Each structure stands twice: as C-alpha cells, then as structure tokens.
Amino acid sequence: MDKINYDTFFHNFMLPGTGILLFIFSAVLITLFLIRPKPLQARPGQHFFMNRIQQLNPAYFALVMSTGIVSIAAHLQGFNIIATTLLGFNIVAYPVLWVMYICRMVWFPENFKNDFLDHTLGMGYFTAVAASGVFGSQVVMLFNSFFIAAALWCITISLWLCLIYGIFTGFITKREKPSIDRGINGGWLLAIVATQAVAVLSTTLAPFFEYYLEPVLFLAFVTWLFGGMLYIWVISLIFYRYLFFAFSPEDLTPPYWINMGAVAITTLAGTGLIATAGSSSFLIELGPFLTGLTWFFWATATWWIPMLVILGVWRHGYRRFPLGYSPLFWGAVFPLGMYTACTHRLSEVTGVELIGIIPKGFIYVAMAAWLITLGGMVHAVFTGLGGSRIKSF
C-alpha cells in the first residue's frame, strides 16, 4: 500500500474514529457522574472473579505498558524472540484488561467513580492511555502493522482527551481535598506518561503518511512540549513533598520510579521528533532545540536512578519494610524498560556512542524486573491475593 492510501485511511477512518471514540468515552463518563445506577452488591463468599473485579486497581494497565516497553527495548537490543513473546502476552492481556475494566464500570459504578475522583487512585486510569500508546508502538516496531496501530492511536488520543480534562476537572472542583503530603505521589506522573505516549505513537506512525505527515508531527510536537511542562509542574510538587513533609517507608511506593520513567518516555518522544525532523518543514528549523531539550530530559531521568536506588535500599534494607507483590510494582518495571529504550534511541539519533553501552546492560535489569513482577503476580493470583489493593499509586 502506498502513502496516499495511508493518508486516505487517516482521513476516512482515523479522524472520524477518534471523534466517535471521544464521544463514547465522554458519554460514559458523563453518565457515570450524572446518573446513579444501582451497583451490584458484593457478598461474602461471592465468586472469585467478582471480588477481583470489584477490587481491581485502576492502574492495572501498567501491566501492558510495562510489557510493551520491555518488548520494545528487547527488540532494540536484538532479543527478537523475547520481544515477540512479550508482544503475544500483550495481545492477550490488553483485551482481557479492557473486559475487566468495563465489567467493573457496569457492575460496580460507584467504586469506579470513587476511584476516578480519588487523588491517590484516579491517576491510575492514565495507564489505559499509556498502555494503548505503547502497545501501538510495539505492534508497529515488531510487525509493522499499521492498521492495528492506527486503531490504538484513535483509542489513545480520545481516551487521553477524556482523562486529561476529566480527572483534573474532577480534582479541581472537589469540595474536600487531601493535604499535599496525603494527596500526591509518583502516580501523578502517569498523566505525563500518557501524554508522551500520544507523542511516541504519533512519531511512530507519521512516516506512513504524506499529506498528513505535518499535522501528525505537529500533534506529537505540542503534546511533547505540554508533557514536558506538566512534568515540571508535578515533579515540583513531589519534590516539595519529599523535602518538607515526613516521609515513611509506606510512602515510598513503587510508582515513585515513574519520577524517572516520565522523563524517560519524554526522551523517547524527543528522539522520535529528532528522527523525523528532516521530513518536516517546521521541525527541521527546530533541530537544535529538539536535541538540546531531549538531552535535558535524559539527564534528568539518569539523575533519578541512583536517588531511587538509595531510597529503595533505605526502605527495604535500613527500615526493613517487607517486600511483597502489589500491582503497583508494574509501575516500577515500566521506567526500567523505558530508560533502556530511550537511551538506545538517543544514542542512535544523535550519534553519541558514549551512552550506547548503557542499554546493553540495562536491558537485563528491565527483563529481570519484568519476570520477577510477573512471578509475584502469578503467585498472588493463585494464593487469592491478586485483587488486593493498596490505597495509593
């Protein structure tokens, strides 16, 4: 299929499809907040599946986004069998999670709504956006499957628009709000991860187009910039919470690794813009700016790694906080895979071989973390603890 056909597909299907999905997602959210359907009551001893649905953590799509980026990182390092296996895992996990989320929305609408407006849980819904975007990039890179990725692009864009305005509007207009030390955590950075997932998938699909190349790259560029600015806003609050409020081992949940992961995916989005800048009339003029700012984000991500390792040692080594499985650990796997992928791509598009050795070793850390977390999840499911939740993300 030539490029003009991809442009026709974009005009006839992707744009209308995004609009239709945006309408559907918006209608569902409005219905949940304006109508009070009678929820299905959970009963002691009820079916295992019903319990898991009711207690499903909003951030469980982190499983897909973590698997997707580890697969991409493995592919970039030449582990193609592992990358393809992880893609197969996501092909199963992604629709299964959607079924579970929809069931929870229908059967337990009050739980869904309460989580949506919860400062510590609501941001977890952004994992659905990030998972869709990363999964789309995964199928393009491994199978060059444009049409599946195009459908995922429509889901990513429409869902991102609903959540970025829906969640923040809900938080702003709440009458009762927690203090900053109780209300903010690393999970807030999922809003940045979701935003940059839009940029990453857009730069991945852009080369397929001719007429719509510039609009798609412009979308990637503005979401990249906004995501970078949003990171500065949110990380300032998190750093303030770090330094001026009491900090216990219970507060240092695994998603604090997204402090690093959010700027790692911002780096990856920047490398996509750098790589495609030569085919864009407006991006080519911004080459030095794109490169400099991308290096800025990569340096920030790199700084976070020793800091987070030290805090982890303090939590589990010095303070003896028990280490056990939680769905939140998928939020720690994602940054490891993302740092591997973004460092490889940054070395590739800038020609700086000095950092090229980092992903060759870091990929083993990312794959090991994925395997350990998967093992913990399987063990938790078989021991009946897979649905347990921590009131934080």
Protein backbone atom coordinates (compact mmCIF):
# COMPACT_ATOMS: atom_id res chain seq x y z
CA MET A 1 0.00 0.00 0.00
CA ASP A 2 1.46 3.40 -0.95
CA LYS A 3 1.49 6.51 1.21
CA ILE A 4 -1.50 8.18 -0.41
CA ASN A 5 -3.66 5.25 0.68
CA TYR A 6 -2.48 5.67 4.24
CA ASP A 7 -3.49 9.33 4.01
CA THR A 8 -6.90 8.31 2.72
CA PHE A 9 -7.27 5.84 5.58
CA PHE A 10 -6.32 8.58 8.05
CA HIS A 11 -8.92 10.98 6.60
CA ASN A 12 -11.74 8.44 6.18
CA PHE A 13 -11.27 6.28 9.25
CA MET A 14 -8.76 7.53 11.83
CA LEU A 15 -10.12 11.07 12.23
CA PRO A 16 -13.80 10.03 12.35
CA GLY A 17 -12.92 7.05 14.53
CA THR A 18 -11.17 9.28 17.06
CA GLY A 19 -14.18 11.59 17.13
CA ILE A 20 -16.60 8.70 17.66
CA LEU A 21 -14.48 7.20 20.44
CA LEU A 22 -14.14 10.61 22.08
CA PHE A 23 -17.92 10.94 22.06
CA ILE A 24 -18.39 7.44 23.51
CA PHE A 25 -15.80 7.86 26.27
CA SER A 26 -17.18 11.29 27.17
CA ALA A 27 -20.75 9.97 27.24
CA VAL A 28 -19.75 7.11 29.54
CA LEU A 29 -18.02 9.46 32.00
CA ILE A 30 -20.92 11.92 31.99
CA THR A 31 -23.38 9.08 32.55
CA LEU A 32 -21.37 7.75 35.49
CA PHE A 33 -21.33 11.16 37.16
CA LEU A 34 -24.88 12.33 36.43
CA ILE A 35 -26.81 9.07 36.82
CA ARG A 36 -26.63 6.90 39.89
CA PRO A 37 -27.11 3.31 38.73
CA LYS A 38 -27.68 0.72 41.42
CA PRO A 39 -24.39 -1.13 41.89
CA LEU A 40 -24.14 -4.88 42.11
CA GLN A 41 -23.67 -5.69 45.78
CA ALA A 42 -20.65 -7.72 46.73
CA ARG A 43 -21.42 -10.52 49.16
CA PRO A 44 -19.17 -12.58 51.43
CA GLY A 45 -18.17 -15.75 49.68
CA GLN A 46 -19.15 -14.46 46.24
CA HIS A 47 -17.42 -15.68 43.12
CA PHE A 48 -13.63 -15.15 42.97
CA PHE A 49 -13.92 -13.28 39.67
CA MET A 50 -16.46 -10.82 41.10
CA ASN A 51 -14.18 -9.99 44.01
CA ARG A 52 -11.28 -9.38 41.69
CA ILE A 53 -13.39 -7.10 39.50
CA GLN A 54 -14.67 -5.06 42.42
CA GLN A 55 -11.18 -4.64 43.88
CA LEU A 56 -9.41 -4.10 40.54
CA ASN A 57 -6.73 -1.43 40.84
CA PRO A 58 -7.31 1.42 38.33
CA ALA A 59 -3.63 1.25 37.41
CA TYR A 60 -3.53 -2.39 36.31
CA PHE A 61 -2.98 -1.38 32.67
CA ALA A 62 0.58 -0.74 33.85
CA LEU A 63 0.98 -4.47 33.17
CA VAL A 64 0.51 -3.85 29.44
CA MET A 65 2.55 -0.67 29.23
CA SER A 66 5.44 -2.30 31.14
CA THR A 67 5.34 -5.42 28.99
CA GLY A 68 5.16 -3.31 25.83
CA ILE A 69 8.18 -1.16 26.59
CA VAL A 70 10.30 -4.10 27.78
CA SER A 71 9.40 -5.81 24.50
CA ILE A 72 10.45 -2.73 22.50
CA ALA A 73 13.69 -2.44 24.49
CA ALA A 74 14.43 -6.14 23.91
CA HIS A 75 13.78 -5.70 20.18
CA LEU A 76 16.18 -2.74 20.02
CA GLN A 77 18.86 -4.86 21.71
CA GLY A 78 18.37 -7.78 19.32
CA PHE A 79 16.37 -10.10 21.60
CA ASN A 80 13.69 -10.62 18.97
CA ILE A 81 12.28 -13.89 20.32
CA ILE A 82 11.76 -12.31 23.75
CA ALA A 83 10.27 -9.20 22.15
CA THR A 84 7.80 -11.24 20.10
CA THR A 85 6.85 -13.37 23.10
CA LEU A 86 6.07 -10.25 25.11
CA LEU A 87 4.01 -8.93 22.22
CA GLY A 88 1.98 -12.15 22.32
CA PHE A 89 1.50 -11.62 26.06
CA ASN A 90 0.12 -8.13 25.42
CA ILE A 91 -2.19 -9.35 22.66
CA VAL A 92 -3.92 -11.41 25.35
CA ALA A 93 -3.56 -9.06 28.34
CA TYR A 94 -4.77 -5.86 26.64
CA PRO A 95 -8.31 -7.02 25.69
CA VAL A 96 -8.67 -9.02 28.93
CA LEU A 97 -7.99 -5.90 30.99
CA TRP A 98 -10.49 -3.91 28.92
CA VAL A 99 -13.15 -6.54 29.62
CA MET A 100 -12.37 -6.40 33.34
CA TYR A 101 -12.48 -2.59 33.44
CA ILE A 102 -15.78 -2.47 31.55
CA CYS A 103 -17.27 -5.09 33.85
CA ARG A 104 -16.20 -3.06 36.86
CA MET A 105 -17.71 0.09 35.35
CA VAL A 106 -21.04 -1.70 34.77
CA TRP A 107 -21.23 -3.85 37.91
CA PHE A 108 -19.58 -1.52 40.43
CA PRO A 109 -20.05 2.03 39.07
CA GLU A 110 -19.69 3.65 42.49
CA ASN A 111 -16.28 2.01 43.02
CA PHE A 112 -15.22 3.15 39.56
CA LYS A 113 -16.44 6.70 40.19
CA ASN A 114 -14.91 6.96 43.66
CA ASP A 115 -11.52 5.83 42.35
CA PHE A 116 -11.78 8.33 39.48
CA LEU A 117 -12.08 11.23 41.95
CA ASP A 118 -9.55 9.88 44.44
CA HIS A 119 -6.29 11.87 44.47
CA THR A 120 -4.24 8.74 45.15
CA LEU A 121 -6.04 6.36 42.80
CA GLY A 122 -7.55 8.43 39.99
CA MET A 123 -4.30 8.96 38.13
CA GLY A 124 -4.06 5.20 37.72
CA TYR A 125 -6.61 5.38 34.90
CA PHE A 126 -3.96 7.09 32.77
CA THR A 127 -2.28 3.68 32.48
CA ALA A 128 -5.02 2.75 29.97
CA VAL A 129 -3.86 5.62 27.74
CA ALA A 130 -0.17 4.79 28.11
CA ALA A 131 -0.81 1.07 27.56
CA SER A 132 -2.72 1.77 24.33
CA GLY A 133 0.03 4.05 23.03
CA VAL A 134 2.92 1.76 23.95
CA PHE A 135 1.07 -1.28 22.57
CA GLY A 136 0.53 0.60 19.30
CA SER A 137 4.22 1.43 19.04
CA GLN A 138 5.03 -2.18 19.86
CA VAL A 139 2.98 -3.67 17.01
CA VAL A 140 4.47 -1.18 14.51
CA MET A 141 8.06 -1.80 15.53
CA LEU A 142 7.80 -5.59 15.70
CA PHE A 143 5.25 -6.41 12.97
CA ASN A 144 4.99 -3.15 11.00
CA SER A 145 1.22 -3.48 11.49
CA PHE A 146 -0.11 -0.04 10.59
CA PHE A 147 -3.84 -0.72 10.86
CA ILE A 148 -3.77 -2.17 14.38
CA ALA A 149 -1.54 0.69 15.50
CA ALA A 150 -3.89 3.18 13.82
CA ALA A 151 -6.83 1.81 15.82
CA LEU A 152 -4.78 2.05 19.01
CA TRP A 153 -3.81 5.63 18.07
CA CYS A 154 -7.51 6.54 17.93
CA ILE A 155 -8.10 4.96 21.34
CA THR A 156 -5.03 6.68 22.80
CA ILE A 157 -5.95 10.16 21.57
CA SER A 158 -9.64 10.02 22.52
CA LEU A 159 -9.04 8.44 25.92
CA TRP A 160 -6.25 10.91 26.69
CA LEU A 161 -8.51 13.88 25.92
CA CYS A 162 -11.25 12.50 28.18
CA LEU A 163 -8.96 11.75 31.10
CA ILE A 164 -6.63 14.75 30.97
CA TYR A 165 -9.60 17.11 31.29
CA GLY A 166 -11.96 14.80 33.19
CA ILE A 167 -9.62 13.84 36.02
CA PHE A 168 -8.10 17.28 36.53
CA THR A 169 -11.53 18.93 36.40
CA GLY A 170 -12.76 16.44 38.99
CA PHE A 171 -9.81 17.16 41.28
CA ILE A 172 -10.11 20.93 40.90
CA THR A 173 -13.85 21.04 41.64
CA LYS A 174 -13.84 18.58 44.58
CA ARG A 175 -15.12 20.16 47.78
CA GLU A 176 -12.94 18.09 50.07
CA LYS A 177 -9.29 17.65 49.13
CA PRO A 178 -6.37 15.98 50.88
CA SER A 179 -3.27 17.83 52.01
CA ILE A 180 -0.33 17.68 49.61
CA ASP A 181 1.53 15.06 51.67
CA ARG A 182 -1.51 12.75 51.54
CA GLY A 183 -2.73 13.56 48.05
CA ILE A 184 0.30 13.48 45.75
CA ASN A 185 2.65 10.64 44.86
CA GLY A 186 4.59 9.24 41.93
CA GLY A 187 1.39 8.01 40.32
CA TRP A 188 0.54 11.60 39.37
CA LEU A 189 3.30 11.39 36.78
CA LEU A 190 1.19 8.87 34.86
CA ALA A 191 -0.52 11.91 33.34
CA ILE A 192 2.83 12.80 31.75
CA VAL A 193 3.46 9.20 30.67
CA ALA A 194 0.05 9.12 28.97
CA THR A 195 0.69 12.45 27.24
CA GLN A 196 4.05 11.35 25.93
CA ALA A 197 2.58 8.01 24.78
CA VAL A 198 0.50 10.10 22.37
CA ALA A 199 3.67 11.77 21.08
CA VAL A 200 5.62 8.49 20.78
CA LEU A 201 2.89 6.69 18.83
CA SER A 202 2.32 9.73 16.61
CA THR A 203 6.01 9.94 15.62
CA THR A 204 5.98 6.17 15.01
CA LEU A 205 3.03 6.42 12.61
CA ALA A 206 3.99 9.72 10.95
CA PRO A 207 6.37 8.22 8.32
CA PHE A 208 3.43 6.25 6.85
CA PHE A 209 1.79 9.49 5.73
CA GLU A 210 2.48 12.09 3.08
CA TYR A 211 -0.29 14.69 3.18
CA TYR A 212 -0.95 14.22 6.91
CA LEU A 213 2.71 13.93 7.90
CA GLU A 214 2.93 17.54 9.13
CA PRO A 215 -0.31 17.51 11.18
CA VAL A 216 0.63 14.24 12.90
CA LEU A 217 4.12 15.50 13.70
CA PHE A 218 2.69 18.80 14.92
CA LEU A 219 0.42 16.87 17.29
CA ALA A 220 3.43 14.91 18.52
CA PHE A 221 5.42 18.11 18.99
CA VAL A 222 2.79 20.01 21.01
CA THR A 223 1.96 17.00 23.22
CA TRP A 224 5.70 16.51 23.80
CA LEU A 225 6.06 20.12 24.91
CA PHE A 226 2.95 20.03 27.07
CA GLY A 227 4.04 16.75 28.66
CA GLY A 228 7.42 18.29 29.48
CA MET A 229 5.77 21.30 31.10
CA LEU A 230 3.33 19.09 33.01
CA TYR A 231 6.30 17.10 34.35
CA ILE A 232 7.88 20.28 35.69
CA TRP A 233 4.64 21.22 37.46
CA VAL A 234 4.05 17.81 39.02
CA ILE A 235 7.64 16.90 39.94
CA SER A 236 7.97 20.27 41.71
CA LEU A 237 5.08 19.31 43.99
CA ILE A 238 6.50 15.81 44.52
CA PHE A 239 9.96 17.17 45.34
CA TYR A 240 8.39 19.66 47.73
CA ARG A 241 6.54 16.80 49.40
CA TYR A 242 9.82 14.83 49.60
CA LEU A 243 11.77 17.58 51.31
CA PHE A 244 9.32 19.31 53.64
CA PHE A 245 6.98 16.58 54.93
CA ALA A 246 7.62 13.47 57.00
CA PHE A 247 8.46 10.53 54.74
CA SER A 248 7.90 6.95 55.87
CA PRO A 249 8.69 3.65 54.11
CA GLU A 250 4.95 3.23 53.47
CA ASP A 251 5.00 6.47 51.47
CA LEU A 252 7.73 5.26 49.11
CA THR A 253 5.51 3.11 46.88
CA PRO A 254 6.99 1.52 43.71
CA PRO A 255 5.38 4.05 41.32
CA TYR A 256 7.83 6.66 42.59
CA TRP A 257 10.08 5.11 39.94
CA ILE A 258 7.85 6.96 37.48
CA ASN A 259 9.78 10.05 38.61
CA MET A 260 12.38 8.65 36.22
CA GLY A 261 10.04 6.89 33.81
CA ALA A 262 8.09 10.04 32.95
CA VAL A 263 11.20 11.84 31.70
CA ALA A 264 12.46 8.66 30.04
CA ILE A 265 9.36 8.43 27.85
CA THR A 266 9.66 12.18 27.23
CA THR A 267 13.18 11.47 25.99
CA LEU A 268 11.90 8.69 23.74
CA ALA A 269 9.29 11.04 22.27
CA GLY A 270 12.03 13.59 21.65
CA THR A 271 14.15 11.06 19.77
CA GLY A 272 11.15 10.32 17.54
CA LEU A 273 10.84 14.02 16.71
CA ILE A 274 14.58 14.30 16.02
CA ALA A 275 14.46 11.24 13.74
CA THR A 276 11.56 12.62 11.68
CA ALA A 277 12.58 16.29 11.73
CA GLY A 278 14.23 16.05 8.31
CA SER A 279 10.91 15.32 6.63
CA SER A 280 9.06 18.20 8.31
CA SER A 281 9.34 21.81 7.19
CA PHE A 282 8.73 23.23 10.67
CA LEU A 283 10.64 20.64 12.74
CA ILE A 284 13.80 20.94 10.67
CA GLU A 285 14.17 24.52 11.89
CA LEU A 286 13.89 23.31 15.48
CA GLY A 287 16.59 20.64 15.28
CA PRO A 288 19.00 22.13 17.89
CA PHE A 289 16.10 22.89 20.23
CA LEU A 290 14.75 19.33 19.95
CA THR A 291 18.17 17.80 20.56
CA GLY A 292 19.05 20.04 23.49
CA LEU A 293 15.73 19.58 25.28
CA THR A 294 15.80 15.83 24.71
CA TRP A 295 19.24 15.63 26.28
CA PHE A 296 17.89 17.71 29.20
CA PHE A 297 15.14 15.16 29.81
CA TRP A 298 17.55 12.21 29.51
CA ALA A 299 19.95 13.77 32.03
CA THR A 300 17.06 14.26 34.46
CA ALA A 301 16.00 10.64 34.08
CA THR A 302 19.58 9.49 34.63
CA TRP A 303 19.90 11.56 37.82
CA TRP A 304 16.84 9.91 39.29
CA ILE A 305 18.18 6.34 39.04
CA PRO A 306 20.80 6.46 41.85
CA MET A 307 18.44 8.51 44.00
CA LEU A 308 15.64 5.96 43.68
CA VAL A 309 18.02 3.05 44.30
CA ILE A 310 19.27 4.74 47.50
CA LEU A 311 15.71 5.33 48.69
CA GLY A 312 14.83 1.72 47.89
CA VAL A 313 17.75 0.48 49.98
CA TRP A 314 16.65 2.79 52.79
CA ARG A 315 13.08 1.45 52.59
CA HIS A 316 13.78 -2.27 52.41
CA GLY A 317 17.27 -2.50 53.86
CA TYR A 318 17.56 0.09 56.61
CA ARG A 319 13.87 0.36 57.59
CA ARG A 320 13.13 -3.35 56.90
CA PHE A 321 9.90 -2.69 55.02
CA PRO A 322 8.61 -6.08 53.74
CA LEU A 323 8.88 -6.72 50.02
CA GLY A 324 5.74 -8.33 48.59
CA TYR A 325 3.80 -8.26 45.35
CA SER A 326 1.44 -5.40 44.57
CA PRO A 327 0.02 -4.27 41.19
CA LEU A 328 1.96 -1.09 41.85
CA PHE A 329 5.23 -2.87 41.06
CA TRP A 330 4.35 -2.77 37.36
CA GLY A 331 4.78 0.99 37.72
CA ALA A 332 8.41 0.34 38.67
CA VAL A 333 9.08 -2.09 35.79
CA PHE A 334 7.97 0.41 33.15
CA PRO A 335 10.69 3.04 33.86
CA LEU A 336 13.45 0.41 33.61
CA GLY A 337 12.32 -0.68 30.15
CA MET A 338 11.70 2.90 29.06
CA TYR A 339 15.16 4.09 30.14
CA THR A 340 16.70 1.24 28.14
CA ALA A 341 14.71 2.13 25.02
CA CYS A 342 15.15 5.89 25.22
CA THR A 343 18.91 5.68 25.82
CA HIS A 344 19.34 3.39 22.83
CA ARG A 345 17.31 5.68 20.60
CA LEU A 346 19.07 8.82 21.85
CA SER A 347 22.45 7.32 21.08
CA GLU A 348 21.15 6.27 17.66
CA VAL A 349 19.62 9.59 16.53
CA THR A 350 22.37 11.85 17.91
CA GLY A 351 25.34 9.63 17.04
CA VAL A 352 26.70 9.78 20.61
CA GLU A 353 28.19 6.33 21.08
CA LEU A 354 29.32 7.09 24.63
CA ILE A 355 25.90 6.22 26.09
CA GLY A 356 25.29 3.31 23.71
CA ILE A 357 26.71 0.81 26.18
CA ILE A 358 24.12 1.65 28.87
CA PRO A 359 21.09 -0.08 27.29
CA LYS A 360 23.17 -3.19 26.53
CA GLY A 361 23.37 -3.81 30.28
CA PHE A 362 20.17 -2.13 31.40
CA ILE A 363 18.02 -4.43 29.28
CA TYR A 364 18.86 -7.33 31.59
CA VAL A 365 17.71 -5.31 34.60
CA ALA A 366 14.43 -4.49 32.84
CA MET A 367 13.77 -8.09 31.76
CA ALA A 368 14.64 -9.45 35.21
CA ALA A 369 12.30 -6.93 36.87
CA TRP A 370 9.50 -7.96 34.49
CA LEU A 371 9.99 -11.65 35.22
CA ILE A 372 10.12 -11.14 39.00
CA THR A 373 6.98 -8.99 38.97
CA LEU A 374 5.13 -11.47 36.76
CA GLY A 375 6.12 -14.25 39.15
CA GLY A 376 4.79 -12.23 42.06
CA MET A 377 1.52 -11.58 40.24
CA VAL A 378 1.01 -15.26 39.36
CA HIS A 379 1.76 -16.27 42.95
CA ALA A 380 -0.63 -13.65 44.29
CA VAL A 381 -3.42 -14.76 41.98
CA PHE A 382 -3.04 -18.41 42.96
CA THR A 383 -2.99 -17.56 46.65
CA GLY A 384 -6.14 -15.45 46.32
CA LEU A 385 -4.41 -12.12 46.85
CA GLY A 386 -4.35 -10.89 43.26
CA GLY A 387 -7.17 -8.46 43.89
CA SER A 388 -5.71 -6.87 46.99
CA ARG A 389 -5.26 -3.14 46.71
CA ILE A 390 -3.06 -0.54 48.25
CA LYS A 391 -4.78 2.79 48.75
CA SER A 392 -2.17 4.60 46.76
CA PHE A 393 -0.49 4.68 43.41
